[in-house]
Amino acid sequence: MQINVGHLTEGISGHDGQVLGVIKNLVDSGKNINVTTISVGWRVRSIRGVLKFISRKLSRFPNLNNINLITKCYTFSSFSNIDIFISSGANLAPLNLALTKKNNAKNIHLSSKRDWHVEDFTAYITTKKISPLRNNLSPDIVPNLFDPAQCMGAGETFIKENNLYEDKFSLLILGGNGIGYKYDETEWDEILKNFSDFCTHSNTKPLFITSPRTPTEVENIIQSEYDTSFSVLFHSENKRGSFPHLLYVATNIFVTEDSSTMLSEAISSGKRVACVYPKNINAPEKYTEIIRKYEALNFIKRKNIKEICDGPFNEMIDISTEVKQSFVEFNKLLIELLFEH
């Protein structure tokens, strides 16, 4: 039986990555999924702050009148016959709730809780448990599009196509300022220099992945000073390229700590990740919780920028068993909520 999923999106890549990760979990569980992307915006952008406030307050009491009022706060593309609505981020929770009730559907949402109630969602996914209710899921790894088997398949193909059997690589995944993390120009220079020194000491070739938040100037330095033929650079390609193969071929993986999406994707390769943090951090508690959880699970090793070039070198810590088990447990709970009565 085909299951029609409505993906509510504001076009925020981090949120969309989490939603697509949940959809991937459903597909991996053997479900026949058909996805409709529903683009969402505020009805009047100039008063979006007011509309955000109104929609959140109305979501506390989702009766018929309030549901209709919530939908009038937004614009959204057309859809039909949706079985499950899914969204991520606080802005979309009220609309998800309203459309679910109007269409007699099920729903999944990923974000911290605000005015609405967890019980109004079929599955409510958070970093840590916020409710004793069964439908509040807290997976070990933030949902994303990667898993160890996928990375291995892509990596083995990449190695074969480029005859890289004798080469060793280290990978640096760069984010940028955001979620309370701030890097100054000196720190960016230091990150690149220390990573280059690490590659020299470990006798590995450098690979890079950049993101929309990576300063263009930093990406330009990477292009001018390194061989980037195998790297995935956002600004030069003007898109977020595919990179599961790089996660597989890299013996050493470094990720700047400012993105839970990037960290989760790297961890999902089945390798422990070194996450790099700057001096200036003022992250919210909900984000710090993610970092603490990954550290407690031994999925990451935190390093300040000066520690990048420290050893050990080429000591790949395999966490693939733990990652796979985490996915299995999350999938089982999600499937039970959505399909078992």
Protein backbone atom coordinates (compact mmCIF):
# COMPACT_ATOMS: atom_id res chain seq x y z
CA MET A 1 0.00 0.00 0.00
CA GLN A 2 1.33 3.42 -0.93
CA ILE A 3 1.62 5.97 1.88
CA ASN A 4 1.36 9.63 0.87
CA VAL A 5 3.64 11.87 2.94
CA GLY A 6 3.32 15.65 2.91
CA HIS A 7 6.68 17.33 3.60
CA LEU A 8 6.02 20.85 4.92
CA THR A 9 9.04 23.02 4.16
CA GLU A 10 10.21 26.62 4.59
CA GLY A 11 13.30 25.84 2.52
CA ILE A 12 15.66 25.67 5.51
CA SER A 13 18.26 23.04 4.62
CA GLY A 14 18.91 21.84 8.18
CA HIS A 15 15.21 21.29 8.86
CA ASP A 16 14.63 19.66 5.48
CA GLY A 17 17.57 17.32 6.07
CA GLN A 18 15.98 16.08 9.28
CA VAL A 19 12.61 15.53 7.61
CA LEU A 20 14.18 13.69 4.69
CA GLY A 21 16.06 11.57 7.20
CA VAL A 22 12.80 10.48 8.83
CA ILE A 23 11.32 9.73 5.40
CA LYS A 24 14.44 7.67 4.61
CA ASN A 25 13.81 5.70 7.81
CA LEU A 26 10.28 4.91 6.66
CA VAL A 27 11.54 3.78 3.25
CA ASP A 28 14.30 1.69 4.88
CA SER A 29 11.61 0.02 6.97
CA GLY A 30 9.99 -1.28 3.79
CA LYS A 31 7.20 1.26 3.43
CA ASN A 32 6.06 2.39 -0.03
CA ILE A 33 6.37 6.15 0.40
CA ASN A 34 5.20 8.85 -2.02
CA VAL A 35 6.35 12.34 -1.00
CA THR A 36 4.58 15.61 -1.81
CA THR A 37 6.67 18.69 -1.04
CA ILE A 38 4.46 21.44 0.38
CA SER A 39 6.18 24.83 0.26
CA VAL A 40 5.15 27.07 3.15
CA GLY A 41 5.40 30.81 3.83
CA TRP A 42 3.75 33.43 6.01
CA ARG A 43 0.54 34.94 4.64
CA VAL A 44 1.88 38.50 5.07
CA ARG A 45 5.63 38.49 5.45
CA SER A 46 5.83 42.01 6.85
CA ILE A 47 3.86 40.91 9.94
CA ARG A 48 5.30 37.41 10.22
CA GLY A 49 6.21 38.02 13.86
CA VAL A 50 2.57 38.64 14.70
CA LEU A 51 1.41 35.64 12.65
CA LYS A 52 4.00 33.43 14.35
CA PHE A 53 2.73 34.53 17.78
CA ILE A 54 -0.93 34.02 16.82
CA SER A 55 -0.44 30.59 15.24
CA ARG A 56 1.51 29.32 18.27
CA LYS A 57 -1.08 30.50 20.76
CA LEU A 58 -3.96 29.06 18.71
CA SER A 59 -2.16 25.69 18.56
CA ARG A 60 -2.68 25.28 22.32
CA PHE A 61 -6.40 24.75 21.71
CA PRO A 62 -6.77 23.10 18.27
CA ASN A 63 -10.55 23.28 17.93
CA LEU A 64 -12.20 23.75 14.53
CA ASN A 65 -12.19 27.56 14.63
CA ASN A 66 -8.56 27.78 15.74
CA ILE A 67 -7.45 25.26 13.12
CA ASN A 68 -9.02 27.36 10.38
CA LEU A 69 -7.42 30.51 11.79
CA ILE A 70 -4.00 28.83 11.93
CA THR A 71 -4.14 27.91 8.23
CA LYS A 72 -4.94 31.55 7.40
CA CYS A 73 -1.61 32.61 8.93
CA TYR A 74 0.28 30.73 6.19
CA THR A 75 0.46 30.25 2.46
CA PHE A 76 1.20 26.72 1.24
CA SER A 77 1.26 24.86 -2.05
CA SER A 78 -1.55 22.51 -3.03
CA PHE A 79 -1.73 18.85 -2.04
CA SER A 80 -4.24 16.01 -1.91
CA ASN A 81 -4.77 12.71 -0.10
CA ILE A 82 -1.97 13.10 2.46
CA ASP A 83 -1.70 10.26 4.99
CA ILE A 84 1.15 11.70 7.08
CA PHE A 85 2.27 15.33 7.43
CA ILE A 86 5.87 15.83 8.52
CA SER A 87 7.77 19.00 9.42
CA SER A 88 10.72 20.37 11.37
CA GLY A 89 11.20 23.67 13.15
CA ALA A 90 8.93 25.65 15.45
CA ASN A 91 7.38 27.77 12.69
CA LEU A 92 5.73 24.78 11.05
CA ALA A 93 4.35 22.93 14.06
CA PRO A 94 1.03 24.87 14.22
CA LEU A 95 0.37 24.35 10.50
CA ASN A 96 1.31 20.67 10.72
CA LEU A 97 -1.14 20.25 13.59
CA ALA A 98 -3.93 22.14 11.80
CA LEU A 99 -3.58 20.36 8.44
CA THR A 100 -3.44 16.99 10.19
CA LYS A 101 -6.74 17.60 11.97
CA LYS A 102 -8.43 19.09 8.88
CA ASN A 103 -7.40 16.11 6.74
CA ASN A 104 -7.85 13.36 9.35
CA ALA A 105 -4.21 12.37 8.84
CA LYS A 106 -1.25 11.40 11.03
CA ASN A 107 1.72 13.63 11.68
CA ILE A 108 5.37 13.82 12.67
CA HIS A 109 7.17 16.91 13.90
CA LEU A 110 10.77 17.60 14.91
CA SER A 111 11.53 20.52 17.23
CA SER A 112 11.54 21.62 20.83
CA LYS A 113 8.10 22.11 22.33
CA ARG A 114 6.46 25.55 22.45
CA ASP A 115 2.75 26.32 23.02
CA TRP A 116 1.33 23.18 21.43
CA HIS A 117 0.86 19.79 23.08
CA VAL A 118 2.93 16.68 22.34
CA GLU A 119 -0.24 14.55 22.31
CA ASP A 120 -1.49 16.40 19.20
CA PHE A 121 1.21 14.69 17.12
CA THR A 122 1.43 11.03 16.16
CA ALA A 123 5.20 11.22 16.67
CA TYR A 124 7.02 14.16 18.25
CA ILE A 125 10.81 13.95 17.88
CA THR A 126 13.12 15.84 20.24
CA THR A 127 16.77 15.81 21.28
CA LYS A 128 15.85 14.52 24.72
CA LYS A 129 12.59 13.28 26.19
CA ILE A 130 10.30 16.17 27.13
CA SER A 131 7.22 14.09 27.87
CA PRO A 132 6.45 10.68 29.38
CA LEU A 133 4.13 10.04 26.44
CA ARG A 134 5.03 7.16 24.15
CA ASN A 135 4.84 9.34 21.04
CA ASN A 136 7.74 11.54 22.19
CA LEU A 137 10.77 9.96 20.50
CA SER A 138 14.35 10.91 21.29
CA PRO A 139 16.69 9.12 18.86
CA ASP A 140 20.40 8.90 19.62
CA ILE A 141 21.23 10.52 16.27
CA VAL A 142 19.40 13.46 14.71
CA PRO A 143 17.61 12.03 11.62
CA ASN A 144 19.50 12.57 8.35
CA LEU A 145 20.04 11.01 4.93
CA PHE A 146 23.16 8.97 5.71
CA ASP A 147 23.93 5.51 7.12
CA PRO A 148 27.07 3.31 7.19
CA ALA A 149 25.96 1.01 4.35
CA GLN A 150 25.10 3.91 2.05
CA CYS A 151 28.44 5.62 2.71
CA MET A 152 30.32 2.36 2.15
CA GLY A 153 28.59 1.69 -1.17
CA ALA A 154 29.22 5.21 -2.45
CA GLY A 155 32.80 5.17 -1.16
CA GLU A 156 33.75 1.84 -2.71
CA THR A 157 32.40 2.98 -6.07
CA PHE A 158 34.31 6.27 -5.77
CA ILE A 159 37.58 4.48 -4.93
CA LYS A 160 37.18 2.09 -7.86
CA GLU A 161 36.28 4.80 -10.39
CA ASN A 162 39.25 6.96 -9.40
CA ASN A 163 41.76 4.17 -8.64
CA LEU A 164 42.38 5.42 -5.10
CA TYR A 165 43.23 2.09 -3.47
CA GLU A 166 46.59 3.33 -2.14
CA ASP A 167 45.47 6.81 -1.04
CA LYS A 168 44.55 7.94 2.46
CA PHE A 169 42.42 11.01 3.19
CA SER A 170 41.41 13.33 6.00
CA LEU A 171 38.16 15.30 5.73
CA LEU A 172 37.30 18.75 7.09
CA ILE A 173 33.60 19.69 7.08
CA LEU A 174 33.07 23.41 7.61
CA GLY A 175 29.99 25.25 8.79
CA GLY A 176 30.11 28.84 9.95
CA ASN A 177 28.68 31.39 12.36
CA GLY A 178 25.33 30.32 13.78
CA ILE A 179 23.43 28.77 16.73
CA GLY A 180 25.64 30.80 19.09
CA TYR A 181 29.00 29.85 17.51
CA LYS A 182 31.20 32.63 16.14
CA TYR A 183 34.53 32.30 14.33
CA ASP A 184 36.79 35.27 13.71
CA GLU A 185 39.08 35.57 10.69
CA THR A 186 42.12 34.45 12.65
CA GLU A 187 40.35 31.28 13.74
CA TRP A 188 39.42 30.37 10.17
CA ASP A 189 43.09 30.74 9.16
CA GLU A 190 44.11 28.62 12.15
CA ILE A 191 41.58 25.88 11.35
CA LEU A 192 42.93 25.52 7.80
CA LYS A 193 46.59 25.65 8.90
CA ASN A 194 46.16 23.11 11.69
CA PHE A 195 44.16 20.77 9.46
CA SER A 196 46.90 21.02 6.82
CA ASP A 197 49.51 20.21 9.48
CA PHE A 198 47.43 17.23 10.61
CA CYS A 199 47.33 15.92 7.04
CA THR A 200 51.09 16.28 6.77
CA HIS A 201 51.73 14.43 10.03
CA SER A 202 49.22 11.69 9.20
CA ASN A 203 50.41 11.38 5.58
CA THR A 204 46.86 11.89 4.30
CA LYS A 205 45.42 14.04 1.53
CA PRO A 206 43.03 16.83 2.56
CA LEU A 207 39.36 16.83 1.53
CA PHE A 208 36.90 19.64 2.22
CA ILE A 209 33.14 20.08 2.44
CA THR A 210 31.73 23.59 2.85
CA SER A 211 28.21 24.79 3.61
CA PRO A 212 26.06 27.87 2.98
CA ARG A 213 27.37 29.40 6.21
CA THR A 214 31.03 28.90 5.36
CA PRO A 215 32.49 32.35 4.51
CA THR A 216 33.14 32.70 0.78
CA GLU A 217 36.62 34.01 1.59
CA VAL A 218 37.45 30.77 3.42
CA GLU A 219 36.28 28.66 0.50
CA ASN A 220 38.36 30.82 -1.87
CA ILE A 221 41.47 30.13 0.23
CA ILE A 222 40.76 26.40 0.12
CA GLN A 223 40.45 26.50 -3.67
CA SER A 224 43.62 28.51 -4.14
CA GLU A 225 45.85 26.51 -1.77
CA TYR A 226 44.63 22.91 -2.05
CA ASP A 227 43.69 20.34 -4.65
CA THR A 228 39.88 20.38 -4.40
CA SER A 229 39.11 18.06 -7.29
CA PHE A 230 37.47 15.58 -4.91
CA SER A 231 36.05 18.13 -2.46
CA VAL A 232 32.44 19.35 -2.27
CA LEU A 233 32.32 23.16 -2.08
CA PHE A 234 28.98 24.90 -1.66
CA HIS A 235 29.71 28.37 -3.01
CA SER A 236 31.60 27.33 -6.14
CA GLU A 237 28.96 24.73 -7.00
CA ASN A 238 26.05 26.91 -5.78
CA LYS A 239 24.37 23.89 -4.21
CA ARG A 240 24.78 21.36 -1.45
CA GLY A 241 26.51 18.52 -3.21
CA SER A 242 26.40 14.83 -2.36
CA PHE A 243 29.23 13.54 -0.18
CA PRO A 244 28.56 10.10 1.42
CA HIS A 245 31.58 8.77 -0.53
CA LEU A 246 33.89 11.28 1.20
CA LEU A 247 32.69 10.15 4.63
CA TYR A 248 33.71 6.60 3.72
CA VAL A 249 37.12 7.30 2.17
CA ALA A 250 38.26 9.62 4.98
CA THR A 251 40.24 7.96 7.74
CA ASN A 252 40.01 11.11 9.87
CA ILE A 253 36.89 13.31 9.94
CA PHE A 254 36.78 16.81 11.44
CA VAL A 255 33.53 18.81 11.64
CA THR A 256 33.00 22.30 13.00
CA GLU A 257 30.65 21.98 15.95
CA ASP A 258 28.11 24.62 14.84
CA SER A 259 25.76 22.33 12.90
CA SER A 260 23.89 19.35 14.33
CA THR A 261 23.02 18.34 10.76
CA MET A 262 26.66 18.13 9.67
CA LEU A 263 27.67 16.34 12.87
CA SER A 264 24.82 13.83 12.56
CA GLU A 265 25.61 13.12 8.91
CA ALA A 266 29.28 12.52 9.71
CA ILE A 267 28.45 10.28 12.68
CA SER A 268 26.03 8.30 10.51
CA SER A 269 28.98 7.16 8.39
CA GLY A 270 29.83 4.86 11.30
CA LYS A 271 33.03 6.65 12.33
CA ARG A 272 33.74 8.66 15.45
CA VAL A 273 34.11 12.32 14.53
CA ALA A 274 36.39 15.05 15.86
CA CYS A 275 34.29 18.19 16.29
CA VAL A 276 36.07 21.52 16.35
CA TYR A 277 34.83 24.49 18.36
CA PRO A 278 35.87 28.18 18.49
CA LYS A 279 36.55 30.38 21.53
CA ASN A 280 33.25 32.25 21.23
CA ILE A 281 30.26 29.99 22.00
CA ASN A 282 26.88 31.12 23.29
CA ALA A 283 24.73 28.22 22.11
CA PRO A 284 21.24 27.60 23.52
CA GLU A 285 20.82 24.77 26.00
CA LYS A 286 18.84 22.65 23.53
CA TYR A 287 21.86 22.64 21.18
CA THR A 288 24.37 22.01 23.94
CA GLU A 289 22.29 18.95 24.88
CA ILE A 290 22.92 17.45 21.43
CA ILE A 291 26.68 17.93 21.79
CA ARG A 292 26.70 16.46 25.30
CA LYS A 293 24.66 13.45 24.16
CA TYR A 294 26.98 12.70 21.23
CA GLU A 295 29.99 13.04 23.50
CA ALA A 296 28.48 10.72 26.14
CA LEU A 297 27.74 8.12 23.44
CA ASN A 298 31.40 8.37 22.28
CA PHE A 299 30.24 9.46 18.82
CA ILE A 300 32.39 12.59 18.90
CA LYS A 301 35.68 13.81 20.35
CA ARG A 302 35.61 17.57 21.01
CA LYS A 303 38.71 19.59 20.11
CA ASN A 304 39.46 23.28 20.25
CA ILE A 305 41.06 24.74 17.15
CA LYS A 306 44.62 24.42 18.51
CA GLU A 307 44.09 20.69 19.14
CA ILE A 308 43.26 19.82 15.51
CA CYS A 309 46.84 18.89 14.66
CA ASP A 310 47.31 16.75 17.78
CA GLY A 311 47.48 12.98 17.50
CA PRO A 312 46.57 10.20 17.41
CA PHE A 313 46.77 10.00 13.64
CA ASN A 314 44.79 7.65 11.41
CA GLU A 315 43.05 6.09 14.41
CA MET A 316 39.63 5.47 12.90
CA ILE A 317 37.17 4.55 15.67
CA ASP A 318 34.44 2.31 14.26
CA ILE A 319 31.00 3.13 15.71
CA SER A 320 28.99 1.56 12.88
CA THR A 321 27.43 -1.10 15.13
CA GLU A 322 26.16 1.52 17.56
CA VAL A 323 24.91 3.75 14.72
CA LYS A 324 23.03 0.91 13.03
CA GLN A 325 21.45 -0.14 16.33
CA SER A 326 20.35 3.42 16.98
CA PHE A 327 18.62 3.56 13.60
CA VAL A 328 16.94 0.18 14.15
CA GLU A 329 15.56 1.19 17.54
CA PHE A 330 14.27 4.53 16.27
CA ASN A 331 12.66 2.96 13.21
CA LYS A 332 10.92 0.34 15.32
CA LEU A 333 9.36 2.91 17.64
CA LEU A 334 8.34 5.19 14.75
CA ILE A 335 6.71 2.39 12.77
CA GLU A 336 4.77 1.24 15.85
CA LEU A 337 3.38 4.74 16.36
CA LEU A 338 2.40 5.27 12.75
CA PHE A 339 1.12 1.90 11.63
CA GLU A 340 0.42 -0.41 14.57
CA HIS A 341 -2.80 -0.01 16.53
